[in-house]
Amino acid sequence: MFQHIKELQFDARVSQPDPRVARMLLDQFGGGNGELKAAMQYFVQAFSCRRPYPDKYDLLMDVATEEFSHLEIVGATITMLLDGVNGQLKDAAEGNLVAQMGNGSVKKGDVIGLAMDNPRFLTESAGGPMPTDANGVPWSGSFVNANGDLTVDLRSNIAAESRAKIVYEHLLQFTDDPYVQDTLRFLMTREIAHFQQFSAALATIEPNFPPGILQGDLRFTHTYYNLSNGDEQRGPWNKGKGPWEKGEQWEYVEDPATFIEQTAGQTEKPIQGHQRDEKTVKKTERELAAERSGEVMQGASDGELAWSDYSTSDDA
């Protein structure tokens, strides 16, 4: 159940209209890294984890709802940045919009530039936000990443919050309006908070790597192929112990072409750098599959299903 509260989560204000900044903010309204994408992504992801991870279900629904709040803040800011344009567009009897502006706070050049760069923004929205990015490309459900595996989804969300944070950081460079800057800083900071929340949630799921159930072919999980010319570059991504607790070591293949020929296209490649063997991996996969399946089947019923558990009274 959603309930709309008219006051915004953050007191969004603008010093004066600025159509060009309004257009740029469309990226965070209907763009591929924007608030609508985030809200829909977390909302969709929540459904499949309600039974196995009820705590993560609450997290995803809470953050999704907050993202809708942020969408409202962005939309309200866009509308205020177009203040004056909306009313003049609707005054059809007077005709020419630019001629009406006179010495108003909306600059003619900004409106003309906006109309040339993204005409649909003015001609179809009449002064409000649209579910598009700054170039008028419509929002799409393909922006939403939901894989049904919570470890995968949480990693997608961490990446989404990272991208959104950077977009707000860049947007701050294109306005000198202190009120708009305050709003953008608030929204940017909430991306940081969500990044931390999703990271903390991922850490509570053990094991969470590799994603899914299957552990992969031990011959290839820790192999690094040197496929670049020039000086070899070594680091913790291809040297020493990998970022796991099982003690695996990176196997560095200095000359991949020769190596592949010597191993018959890697069909004769030995397992290296592992403390585990194939038998141990198969046992791990069976145990993990049973655990994950049990989480999903938890609370399943052969009879009638109900999403909500409303309390009832025999005396009613």
C-alpha atoms as a PDB file:
ATOM      1  CA  MET A   1       0.000   0.000   0.000  1.00  0.00           C
ATOM      2  CA  PHE A   2       1.332   3.392  -0.939  1.00  0.00           C
ATOM      3  CA  GLN A   3       0.195   6.680   0.521  1.00  0.00           C
ATOM      4  CA  HIS A   4       1.208   9.951  -1.046  1.00  0.00           C
ATOM      5  CA  ILE A   5       2.268  12.712   1.329  1.00  0.00           C
ATOM      6  CA  LYS A   6       2.267  16.079  -0.385  1.00  0.00           C
ATOM      7  CA  GLU A   7       5.384  17.414   1.351  1.00  0.00           C
ATOM      8  CA  LEU A   8       8.628  16.415  -0.346  1.00  0.00           C
ATOM      9  CA  GLN A   9      11.280  14.343   1.430  1.00  0.00           C
ATOM     10  CA  PHE A  10      13.638  17.298   0.874  1.00  0.00           C
ATOM     11  CA  ASP A  11      12.557  20.926   0.566  1.00  0.00           C
ATOM     12  CA  ALA A  12      13.332  21.411  -3.125  1.00  0.00           C
ATOM     13  CA  ARG A  13      13.573  25.051  -4.233  1.00  0.00           C
ATOM     14  CA  VAL A  14      15.008  27.078  -7.100  1.00  0.00           C
ATOM     15  CA  SER A  15      16.245  30.662  -7.179  1.00  0.00           C
ATOM     16  CA  GLN A  16      14.946  31.289 -10.677  1.00  0.00           C
ATOM     17  CA  PRO A  17      13.821  29.332 -13.741  1.00  0.00           C
ATOM     18  CA  ASP A  18      16.504  27.706 -15.854  1.00  0.00           C
ATOM     19  CA  PRO A  19      15.200  25.600 -18.773  1.00  0.00           C
ATOM     20  CA  ARG A  20      18.615  24.256 -19.695  1.00  0.00           C
ATOM     21  CA  VAL A  21      19.222  22.788 -16.230  1.00  0.00           C
ATOM     22  CA  ALA A  22      15.671  21.447 -16.307  1.00  0.00           C
ATOM     23  CA  ARG A  23      16.506  19.554 -19.461  1.00  0.00           C
ATOM     24  CA  MET A  24      19.692  18.096 -17.957  1.00  0.00           C
ATOM     25  CA  LEU A  25      17.762  16.916 -14.906  1.00  0.00           C
ATOM     26  CA  LEU A  26      15.610  14.770 -17.167  1.00  0.00           C
ATOM     27  CA  ASP A  27      18.437  12.244 -17.100  1.00  0.00           C
ATOM     28  CA  GLN A  28      17.657  11.624 -13.431  1.00  0.00           C
ATOM     29  CA  PHE A  29      13.917  11.505 -14.077  1.00  0.00           C
ATOM     30  CA  GLY A  30      13.606   9.141 -17.030  1.00  0.00           C
ATOM     31  CA  GLY A  31      17.170   8.231 -17.929  1.00  0.00           C
ATOM     32  CA  GLY A  32      18.910   4.880 -17.714  1.00  0.00           C
ATOM     33  CA  ASN A  33      20.566   5.770 -14.386  1.00  0.00           C
ATOM     34  CA  GLY A  34      17.729   7.859 -12.998  1.00  0.00           C
ATOM     35  CA  GLU A  35      15.303   7.652 -10.110  1.00  0.00           C
ATOM     36  CA  LEU A  36      12.494   5.936 -12.049  1.00  0.00           C
ATOM     37  CA  LYS A  37      14.871   3.168 -13.101  1.00  0.00           C
ATOM     38  CA  ALA A  38      16.068   2.699  -9.513  1.00  0.00           C
ATOM     39  CA  ALA A  39      12.551   2.686  -8.068  1.00  0.00           C
ATOM     40  CA  MET A  40      11.297   0.121 -10.568  1.00  0.00           C
ATOM     41  CA  GLN A  41      14.412  -2.037 -10.278  1.00  0.00           C
ATOM     42  CA  TYR A  42      14.259  -2.408  -6.508  1.00  0.00           C
ATOM     43  CA  PHE A  43      10.464  -2.769  -6.593  1.00  0.00           C
ATOM     44  CA  VAL A  44      10.632  -5.635  -9.105  1.00  0.00           C
ATOM     45  CA  GLN A  45      13.535  -7.348  -7.339  1.00  0.00           C
ATOM     46  CA  ALA A  46      11.690  -7.381  -4.020  1.00  0.00           C
ATOM     47  CA  PHE A  47       8.957  -9.810  -5.059  1.00  0.00           C
ATOM     48  CA  SER A  48      11.149 -12.882  -5.535  1.00  0.00           C
ATOM     49  CA  CYS A  49      12.956 -12.487  -2.213  1.00  0.00           C
ATOM     50  CA  ARG A  50       9.922 -11.979   0.044  1.00  0.00           C
ATOM     51  CA  ARG A  51       9.929 -15.540   1.372  1.00  0.00           C
ATOM     52  CA  PRO A  52      13.622 -16.480   1.347  1.00  0.00           C
ATOM     53  CA  TYR A  53      14.822 -13.069   2.584  1.00  0.00           C
ATOM     54  CA  PRO A  54      11.986 -11.142   4.272  1.00  0.00           C
ATOM     55  CA  ASP A  55      14.464  -8.651   5.724  1.00  0.00           C
ATOM     56  CA  LYS A  56      15.877  -7.901   2.252  1.00  0.00           C
ATOM     57  CA  TYR A  57      12.308  -7.639   0.935  1.00  0.00           C
ATOM     58  CA  ASP A  58      11.722  -4.807   3.409  1.00  0.00           C
ATOM     59  CA  LEU A  59      15.014  -3.180   2.430  1.00  0.00           C
ATOM     60  CA  LEU A  60      14.241  -3.277  -1.289  1.00  0.00           C
ATOM     61  CA  MET A  61      10.680  -2.021  -0.857  1.00  0.00           C
ATOM     62  CA  ASP A  62      11.805   0.768   1.485  1.00  0.00           C
ATOM     63  CA  VAL A  63      14.542   1.948  -0.875  1.00  0.00           C
ATOM     64  CA  ALA A  64      12.229   1.613  -3.901  1.00  0.00           C
ATOM     65  CA  THR A  65       9.676   3.806  -2.158  1.00  0.00           C
ATOM     66  CA  GLU A  66      12.353   6.349  -1.306  1.00  0.00           C
ATOM     67  CA  GLU A  67      13.434   6.374  -4.943  1.00  0.00           C
ATOM     68  CA  PHE A  68       9.874   7.282  -5.923  1.00  0.00           C
ATOM     69  CA  SER A  69      10.216  10.140  -3.436  1.00  0.00           C
ATOM     70  CA  HIS A  70      13.403  11.210  -5.203  1.00  0.00           C
ATOM     71  CA  LEU A  71      11.632  10.986  -8.552  1.00  0.00           C
ATOM     72  CA  GLU A  72       9.073  13.427  -7.158  1.00  0.00           C
ATOM     73  CA  ILE A  73      11.838  15.779  -5.996  1.00  0.00           C
ATOM     74  CA  VAL A  74      13.473  15.722  -9.429  1.00  0.00           C
ATOM     75  CA  GLY A  75      10.126  16.236 -11.161  1.00  0.00           C
ATOM     76  CA  ALA A  76       9.224  19.121  -8.865  1.00  0.00           C
ATOM     77  CA  THR A  77      12.609  20.754  -9.471  1.00  0.00           C
ATOM     78  CA  ILE A  78      12.234  20.411 -13.236  1.00  0.00           C
ATOM     79  CA  THR A  79       8.781  21.981 -13.076  1.00  0.00           C
ATOM     80  CA  MET A  80      10.033  24.911 -10.995  1.00  0.00           C
ATOM     81  CA  LEU A  81      12.975  25.417 -13.350  1.00  0.00           C
ATOM     82  CA  LEU A  82      10.419  25.753 -16.159  1.00  0.00           C
ATOM     83  CA  ASP A  83       8.208  28.127 -14.201  1.00  0.00           C
ATOM     84  CA  GLY A  84       6.705  30.709 -16.530  1.00  0.00           C
ATOM     85  CA  VAL A  85       7.142  28.524 -19.580  1.00  0.00           C
ATOM     86  CA  ASN A  86       4.211  26.337 -18.588  1.00  0.00           C
ATOM     87  CA  GLY A  87       1.696  29.150 -18.247  1.00  0.00           C
ATOM     88  CA  GLN A  88       2.807  30.904 -21.400  1.00  0.00           C
ATOM     89  CA  LEU A  89       2.580  27.685 -23.393  1.00  0.00           C
ATOM     90  CA  LYS A  90      -0.996  27.302 -22.270  1.00  0.00           C
ATOM     91  CA  ASP A  91      -1.898  30.871 -23.255  1.00  0.00           C
ATOM     92  CA  ALA A  92      -2.616  29.822 -26.809  1.00  0.00           C
ATOM     93  CA  ALA A  93      -4.667  32.926 -27.510  1.00  0.00           C
ATOM     94  CA  GLU A  94      -1.572  35.091 -27.238  1.00  0.00           C
ATOM     95  CA  GLY A  95       0.432  33.039 -29.716  1.00  0.00           C
ATOM     96  CA  ASN A  96       4.227  33.363 -29.843  1.00  0.00           C
ATOM     97  CA  LEU A  97       5.827  32.069 -26.585  1.00  0.00           C
ATOM     98  CA  VAL A  98       9.140  33.887 -26.984  1.00  0.00           C
ATOM     99  CA  ALA A  99       7.397  37.191 -27.752  1.00  0.00           C
ATOM    100  CA  GLN A 100       5.420  36.870 -24.494  1.00  0.00           C
ATOM    101  CA  MET A 101       8.501  36.532 -22.335  1.00  0.00           C
ATOM    102  CA  GLY A 102       9.541  40.139 -22.508  1.00  0.00           C
ATOM    103  CA  ASN A 103      11.914  40.851 -19.663  1.00  0.00           C
ATOM    104  CA  GLY A 104      10.812  37.899 -17.549  1.00  0.00           C
ATOM    105  CA  SER A 105      13.109  35.662 -15.551  1.00  0.00           C
ATOM    106  CA  VAL A 106      13.107  32.971 -18.219  1.00  0.00           C
ATOM    107  CA  LYS A 107      15.720  33.803 -20.835  1.00  0.00           C
ATOM    108  CA  LYS A 108      14.583  33.666 -24.439  1.00  0.00           C
ATOM    109  CA  GLY A 109      17.812  32.065 -25.571  1.00  0.00           C
ATOM    110  CA  ASP A 110      17.418  29.225 -23.071  1.00  0.00           C
ATOM    111  CA  VAL A 111      13.903  28.435 -24.248  1.00  0.00           C
ATOM    112  CA  ILE A 112      14.876  28.627 -27.903  1.00  0.00           C
ATOM    113  CA  GLY A 113      17.892  26.391 -27.264  1.00  0.00           C
ATOM    114  CA  LEU A 114      15.752  23.925 -25.339  1.00  0.00           C
ATOM    115  CA  ALA A 115      13.197  23.811 -28.131  1.00  0.00           C
ATOM    116  CA  MET A 116      15.923  23.153 -30.678  1.00  0.00           C
ATOM    117  CA  ASP A 117      17.756  20.505 -28.611  1.00  0.00           C
ATOM    118  CA  ASN A 118      14.765  18.559 -27.315  1.00  0.00           C
ATOM    119  CA  PRO A 119      11.540  19.913 -28.865  1.00  0.00           C
ATOM    120  CA  ARG A 120       9.297  17.205 -27.388  1.00  0.00           C
ATOM    121  CA  PHE A 121      10.190  18.384 -23.893  1.00  0.00           C
ATOM    122  CA  LEU A 122       8.342  21.657 -24.508  1.00  0.00           C
ATOM    123  CA  THR A 123       5.808  20.761 -27.169  1.00  0.00           C
ATOM    124  CA  GLU A 124       4.476  17.653 -25.410  1.00  0.00           C
ATOM    125  CA  SER A 125       5.113  18.208 -21.709  1.00  0.00           C
ATOM    126  CA  ALA A 126       3.913  21.821 -21.504  1.00  0.00           C
ATOM    127  CA  GLY A 127       6.417  22.695 -18.807  1.00  0.00           C
ATOM    128  CA  GLY A 128       6.686  19.525 -16.714  1.00  0.00           C
ATOM    129  CA  PRO A 129       8.958  16.470 -16.643  1.00  0.00           C
ATOM    130  CA  MET A 130       8.651  13.592 -19.073  1.00  0.00           C
ATOM    131  CA  PRO A 131       9.764   9.936 -18.687  1.00  0.00           C
ATOM    132  CA  THR A 132      12.721  10.476 -21.005  1.00  0.00           C
ATOM    133  CA  ASP A 133      16.373  11.296 -20.689  1.00  0.00           C
ATOM    134  CA  ALA A 134      17.817  14.722 -21.533  1.00  0.00           C
ATOM    135  CA  ASN A 135      17.864  13.870 -25.238  1.00  0.00           C
ATOM    136  CA  GLY A 136      14.232  12.799 -25.333  1.00  0.00           C
ATOM    137  CA  VAL A 137      14.930   9.051 -25.423  1.00  0.00           C
ATOM    138  CA  PRO A 138      11.955   7.374 -23.661  1.00  0.00           C
ATOM    139  CA  TRP A 139      12.337   5.471 -20.420  1.00  0.00           C
ATOM    140  CA  SER A 140      12.384   1.717 -20.975  1.00  0.00           C
ATOM    141  CA  GLY A 141      11.737  -1.326 -18.838  1.00  0.00           C
ATOM    142  CA  SER A 142      14.978  -2.716 -20.266  1.00  0.00           C
ATOM    143  CA  PHE A 143      16.782  -0.410 -17.807  1.00  0.00           C
ATOM    144  CA  VAL A 144      15.595  -2.667 -14.962  1.00  0.00           C
ATOM    145  CA  ASN A 145      17.951  -5.438 -13.824  1.00  0.00           C
ATOM    146  CA  ALA A 146      16.236  -8.198 -11.849  1.00  0.00           C
ATOM    147  CA  ASN A 147      17.728 -11.687 -12.027  1.00  0.00           C
ATOM    148  CA  GLY A 148      15.908 -13.482  -9.226  1.00  0.00           C
ATOM    149  CA  ASP A 149      19.195 -14.174  -7.439  1.00  0.00           C
ATOM    150  CA  LEU A 150      19.571 -11.723  -4.591  1.00  0.00           C
ATOM    151  CA  THR A 151      23.381 -11.683  -4.670  1.00  0.00           C
ATOM    152  CA  VAL A 152      23.267 -10.724  -8.348  1.00  0.00           C
ATOM    153  CA  ASP A 153      20.526  -8.144  -7.799  1.00  0.00           C
ATOM    154  CA  LEU A 154      22.314  -6.502  -4.894  1.00  0.00           C
ATOM    155  CA  ARG A 155      25.494  -6.183  -6.955  1.00  0.00           C
ATOM    156  CA  SER A 156      23.427  -4.600  -9.758  1.00  0.00           C
ATOM    157  CA  ASN A 157      22.020  -2.162  -7.218  1.00  0.00           C
ATOM    158  CA  ILE A 158      25.449  -1.230  -5.869  1.00  0.00           C
ATOM    159  CA  ALA A 159      26.507  -0.439  -9.425  1.00  0.00           C
ATOM    160  CA  ALA A 160      23.285   1.502 -10.081  1.00  0.00           C
ATOM    161  CA  GLU A 161      23.781   3.665  -7.000  1.00  0.00           C
ATOM    162  CA  SER A 162      27.391   4.297  -8.030  1.00  0.00           C
ATOM    163  CA  ARG A 163      26.357   5.499 -11.498  1.00  0.00           C
ATOM    164  CA  ALA A 164      23.552   7.675 -10.142  1.00  0.00           C
ATOM    165  CA  LYS A 165      25.936   9.261  -7.637  1.00  0.00           C
ATOM    166  CA  ILE A 166      28.341  10.217 -10.411  1.00  0.00           C
ATOM    167  CA  VAL A 167      25.526  11.705 -12.521  1.00  0.00           C
ATOM    168  CA  TYR A 168      24.475  13.967  -9.630  1.00  0.00           C
ATOM    169  CA  GLU A 169      28.105  14.882  -9.062  1.00  0.00           C
ATOM    170  CA  HIS A 170      28.357  15.983 -12.687  1.00  0.00           C
ATOM    171  CA  LEU A 171      25.016  17.807 -12.624  1.00  0.00           C
ATOM    172  CA  LEU A 172      26.294  19.930  -9.742  1.00  0.00           C
ATOM    173  CA  GLN A 173      28.851  21.416 -12.119  1.00  0.00           C
ATOM    174  CA  PHE A 174      26.182  22.842 -14.407  1.00  0.00           C
ATOM    175  CA  THR A 175      24.194  25.027 -12.031  1.00  0.00           C
ATOM    176  CA  ASP A 176      25.144  27.892  -9.755  1.00  0.00           C
ATOM    177  CA  ASP A 177      21.691  28.023  -8.150  1.00  0.00           C
ATOM    178  CA  PRO A 178      22.364  27.340  -4.448  1.00  0.00           C
ATOM    179  CA  TYR A 179      18.903  25.860  -3.906  1.00  0.00           C
ATOM    180  CA  VAL A 180      19.244  23.450  -6.810  1.00  0.00           C
ATOM    181  CA  GLN A 181      22.733  22.544  -5.603  1.00  0.00           C
ATOM    182  CA  ASP A 182      21.325  21.734  -2.149  1.00  0.00           C
ATOM    183  CA  THR A 183      18.754  19.425  -3.713  1.00  0.00           C
ATOM    184  CA  LEU A 184      21.327  17.699  -5.896  1.00  0.00           C
ATOM    185  CA  ARG A 185      23.665  17.212  -2.933  1.00  0.00           C
ATOM    186  CA  PHE A 186      20.849  15.630  -0.922  1.00  0.00           C
ATOM    187  CA  LEU A 187      19.989  13.243  -3.748  1.00  0.00           C
ATOM    188  CA  MET A 188      23.656  12.438  -4.369  1.00  0.00           C
ATOM    189  CA  THR A 189      24.209  11.700  -0.678  1.00  0.00           C
ATOM    190  CA  ARG A 190      21.251   9.342  -0.542  1.00  0.00           C
ATOM    191  CA  GLU A 191      22.860   7.357  -3.356  1.00  0.00           C
ATOM    192  CA  ILE A 192      25.865   6.921  -1.053  1.00  0.00           C
ATOM    193  CA  ALA A 193      23.578   5.742   1.761  1.00  0.00           C
ATOM    194  CA  HIS A 194      21.852   3.213  -0.501  1.00  0.00           C
ATOM    195  CA  PHE A 195      25.233   1.969  -1.750  1.00  0.00           C
ATOM    196  CA  GLN A 196      26.191   1.234   1.860  1.00  0.00           C
ATOM    197  CA  GLN A 197      22.841  -0.420   2.633  1.00  0.00           C
ATOM    198  CA  PHE A 198      23.029  -2.764  -0.345  1.00  0.00           C
ATOM    199  CA  SER A 199      26.675  -3.571   0.394  1.00  0.00           C
ATOM    200  CA  ALA A 200      25.827  -4.415   4.003  1.00  0.00           C
ATOM    201  CA  ALA A 201      22.892  -6.577   2.899  1.00  0.00           C
ATOM    202  CA  LEU A 202      25.089  -8.510   0.456  1.00  0.00           C
ATOM    203  CA  ALA A 203      27.607  -9.192   3.234  1.00  0.00           C
ATOM    204  CA  THR A 204      24.899 -10.942   5.299  1.00  0.00           C
ATOM    205  CA  ILE A 205      24.390 -13.595   2.606  1.00  0.00           C
ATOM    206  CA  GLU A 206      27.020 -16.323   2.917  1.00  0.00           C
ATOM    207  CA  PRO A 207      28.332 -17.592   0.662  1.00  0.00           C
ATOM    208  CA  ASN A 208      27.683 -14.851  -1.876  1.00  0.00           C
ATOM    209  CA  PHE A 209      30.449 -15.636  -4.354  1.00  0.00           C
ATOM    210  CA  PRO A 210      30.360 -16.823  -7.015  1.00  0.00           C
ATOM    211  CA  PRO A 211      26.801 -15.640  -7.761  1.00  0.00           C
ATOM    212  CA  GLY A 212      24.240 -18.419  -8.086  1.00  0.00           C
ATOM    213  CA  ILE A 213      24.829 -22.073  -7.206  1.00  0.00           C
ATOM    214  CA  LEU A 214      27.384 -23.542  -9.607  1.00  0.00           C
ATOM    215  CA  GLN A 215      30.998 -22.977  -8.593  1.00  0.00           C
ATOM    216  CA  GLY A 216      32.505 -23.077 -12.081  1.00  0.00           C
ATOM    217  CA  ASP A 217      35.210 -25.221 -13.649  1.00  0.00           C
ATOM    218  CA  LEU A 218      38.202 -25.225 -11.295  1.00  0.00           C
ATOM    219  CA  ARG A 219      40.583 -25.199 -14.270  1.00  0.00           C
ATOM    220  CA  PHE A 220      39.534 -21.680 -15.227  1.00  0.00           C
ATOM    221  CA  THR A 221      38.199 -19.794 -12.180  1.00  0.00           C
ATOM    222  CA  HIS A 222      41.630 -18.459 -11.178  1.00  0.00           C
ATOM    223  CA  THR A 223      43.416 -18.210 -14.519  1.00  0.00           C
ATOM    224  CA  TYR A 224      44.648 -14.850 -15.813  1.00  0.00           C
ATOM    225  CA  TYR A 225      45.605 -14.604 -19.487  1.00  0.00           C
ATOM    226  CA  ASN A 226      48.222 -12.002 -20.438  1.00  0.00           C
ATOM    227  CA  LEU A 227      46.560 -10.707 -23.610  1.00  0.00           C
ATOM    228  CA  SER A 228      48.212  -7.276 -23.778  1.00  0.00           C
ATOM    229  CA  ASN A 229      51.442  -6.316 -25.520  1.00  0.00           C
ATOM    230  CA  GLY A 230      54.224  -4.517 -23.689  1.00  0.00           C
ATOM    231  CA  ASP A 231      55.323  -4.635 -20.090  1.00  0.00           C
ATOM    232  CA  GLU A 232      53.482  -7.078 -17.867  1.00  0.00           C
ATOM    233  CA  GLN A 233      51.243  -5.429 -15.312  1.00  0.00           C
ATOM    234  CA  ARG A 234      50.806  -7.418 -12.128  1.00  0.00           C
ATOM    235  CA  GLY A 235      48.552  -6.804  -9.165  1.00  0.00           C
ATOM    236  CA  PRO A 236      46.129  -8.550  -6.790  1.00  0.00           C
ATOM    237  CA  TRP A 237      43.875  -9.268  -9.780  1.00  0.00           C
ATOM    238  CA  ASN A 238      46.444 -11.635 -11.326  1.00  0.00           C
ATOM    239  CA  LYS A 239      49.105 -12.351  -8.690  1.00  0.00           C
ATOM    240  CA  GLY A 240      49.117 -14.080  -5.337  1.00  0.00           C
ATOM    241  CA  LYS A 241      46.039 -15.018  -3.350  1.00  0.00           C
ATOM    242  CA  GLY A 242      42.647 -14.252  -4.832  1.00  0.00           C
ATOM    243  CA  PRO A 243      39.985 -12.293  -2.936  1.00  0.00           C
ATOM    244  CA  TRP A 244      38.452 -15.423  -1.409  1.00  0.00           C
ATOM    245  CA  GLU A 245      38.764 -17.323   1.865  1.00  0.00           C
ATOM    246  CA  LYS A 246      39.506 -20.716   0.329  1.00  0.00           C
ATOM    247  CA  GLY A 247      43.179 -19.973  -0.320  1.00  0.00           C
ATOM    248  CA  GLU A 248      43.083 -20.036  -4.111  1.00  0.00           C
ATOM    249  CA  GLN A 249      46.094 -18.590  -5.927  1.00  0.00           C
ATOM    250  CA  TRP A 250      46.065 -16.820  -9.285  1.00  0.00           C
ATOM    251  CA  GLU A 251      47.519 -18.763 -12.201  1.00  0.00           C
ATOM    252  CA  TYR A 252      49.231 -16.333 -14.584  1.00  0.00           C
ATOM    253  CA  VAL A 253      49.474 -17.465 -18.218  1.00  0.00           C
ATOM    254  CA  GLU A 254      52.216 -15.348 -19.730  1.00  0.00           C
ATOM    255  CA  ASP A 255      51.940 -16.682 -23.302  1.00  0.00           C
ATOM    256  CA  PRO A 256      48.282 -17.681 -23.874  1.00  0.00           C
ATOM    257  CA  ALA A 257      48.730 -18.718 -27.543  1.00  0.00           C
ATOM    258  CA  THR A 258      51.468 -21.212 -26.733  1.00  0.00           C
ATOM    259  CA  PHE A 259      49.670 -22.361 -23.586  1.00  0.00           C
ATOM    260  CA  ILE A 260      46.436 -23.107 -25.472  1.00  0.00           C
ATOM    261  CA  GLU A 261      48.332 -25.062 -28.099  1.00  0.00           C
ATOM    262  CA  GLN A 262      50.208 -27.097 -25.487  1.00  0.00           C
ATOM    263  CA  THR A 263      47.002 -27.952 -23.611  1.00  0.00           C
ATOM    264  CA  ALA A 264      45.028 -28.956 -26.743  1.00  0.00           C
ATOM    265  CA  GLY A 265      42.740 -25.985 -26.536  1.00  0.00           C
ATOM    266  CA  GLN A 266      42.761 -26.212 -22.720  1.00  0.00           C
ATOM    267  CA  THR A 267      41.023 -29.591 -22.770  1.00  0.00           C
ATOM    268  CA  GLU A 268      44.133 -31.005 -21.068  1.00  0.00           C
ATOM    269  CA  LYS A 269      44.638 -28.055 -18.732  1.00  0.00           C
ATOM    270  CA  PRO A 270      45.346 -29.203 -15.158  1.00  0.00           C
ATOM    271  CA  ILE A 271      43.679 -27.724 -12.089  1.00  0.00           C
ATOM    272  CA  GLN A 272      46.075 -25.299 -10.410  1.00  0.00           C
ATOM    273  CA  GLY A 273      45.964 -22.864  -7.519  1.00  0.00           C
ATOM    274  CA  HIS A 274      43.151 -24.576  -5.589  1.00  0.00           C
ATOM    275  CA  GLN A 275      42.819 -26.249  -2.237  1.00  0.00           C
ATOM    276  CA  ARG A 276      39.557 -27.801  -3.476  1.00  0.00           C
ATOM    277  CA  ASP A 277      38.977 -30.661  -5.888  1.00  0.00           C
ATOM    278  CA  GLU A 278      36.039 -31.463  -8.160  1.00  0.00           C
ATOM    279  CA  LYS A 279      34.446 -33.745  -5.571  1.00  0.00           C
ATOM    280  CA  THR A 280      34.486 -30.966  -2.990  1.00  0.00           C
ATOM    281  CA  VAL A 281      32.980 -28.527  -5.492  1.00  0.00           C
ATOM    282  CA  LYS A 282      30.120 -30.906  -6.344  1.00  0.00           C
ATOM    283  CA  LYS A 283      29.393 -31.358  -2.639  1.00  0.00           C
ATOM    284  CA  THR A 284      29.360 -27.568  -2.169  1.00  0.00           C
ATOM    285  CA  GLU A 285      26.947 -27.155  -5.101  1.00  0.00           C
ATOM    286  CA  ARG A 286      24.530 -29.776  -3.710  1.00  0.00           C
ATOM    287  CA  GLU A 287      24.559 -28.201  -0.267  1.00  0.00           C
ATOM    288  CA  LEU A 288      24.100 -24.688  -1.623  1.00  0.00           C
ATOM    289  CA  ALA A 289      21.321 -25.779  -3.981  1.00  0.00           C
ATOM    290  CA  ALA A 290      19.461 -27.428  -1.103  1.00  0.00           C
ATOM    291  CA  GLU A 291      19.916 -24.344   1.083  1.00  0.00           C
ATOM    292  CA  ARG A 292      18.733 -21.868  -1.557  1.00  0.00           C
ATOM    293  CA  SER A 293      15.840 -24.110  -2.608  1.00  0.00           C
ATOM    294  CA  GLY A 294      14.789 -24.485   1.017  1.00  0.00           C
ATOM    295  CA  GLU A 295      14.801 -20.715   1.451  1.00  0.00           C
ATOM    296  CA  VAL A 296      12.557 -20.239  -1.580  1.00  0.00           C
ATOM    297  CA  MET A 297      10.172 -23.060  -0.575  1.00  0.00           C
ATOM    298  CA  GLN A 298       9.949 -21.816   2.979  1.00  0.00           C
ATOM    299  CA  GLY A 299       6.344 -21.123   3.864  1.00  0.00           C
ATOM    300  CA  ALA A 300       5.038 -22.593   0.607  1.00  0.00           C
ATOM    301  CA  SER A 301       1.486 -23.884   0.776  1.00  0.00           C
ATOM    302  CA  ASP A 302      -0.401 -26.488  -1.232  1.00  0.00           C
ATOM    303  CA  GLY A 303      -3.639 -24.608  -0.697  1.00  0.00           C
ATOM    304  CA  GLU A 304      -4.865 -21.066  -1.152  1.00  0.00           C
ATOM    305  CA  LEU A 305      -2.197 -18.408  -1.233  1.00  0.00           C
ATOM    306  CA  ALA A 306      -2.420 -14.936   0.291  1.00  0.00           C
ATOM    307  CA  TRP A 307       0.273 -12.261   0.015  1.00  0.00           C
ATOM    308  CA  SER A 308      -0.812 -10.350   3.126  1.00  0.00           C
ATOM    309  CA  ASP A 309      -1.544 -11.769   6.547  1.00  0.00           C
ATOM    310  CA  TYR A 310      -4.404  -9.634   7.784  1.00  0.00           C
ATOM    311  CA  SER A 311      -5.491 -10.303  11.334  1.00  0.00           C
ATOM    312  CA  THR A 312      -9.048 -11.573  11.752  1.00  0.00           C
ATOM    313  CA  SER A 313     -11.311 -11.751  14.753  1.00  0.00           C
ATOM    314  CA  ASP A 314     -13.818 -14.532  15.474  1.00  0.00           C
ATOM    315  CA  ASP A 315     -15.974 -11.981  17.252  1.00  0.00           C
ATOM    316  CA  ALA A 316     -16.365  -9.784  14.168  1.00  0.00           C
END
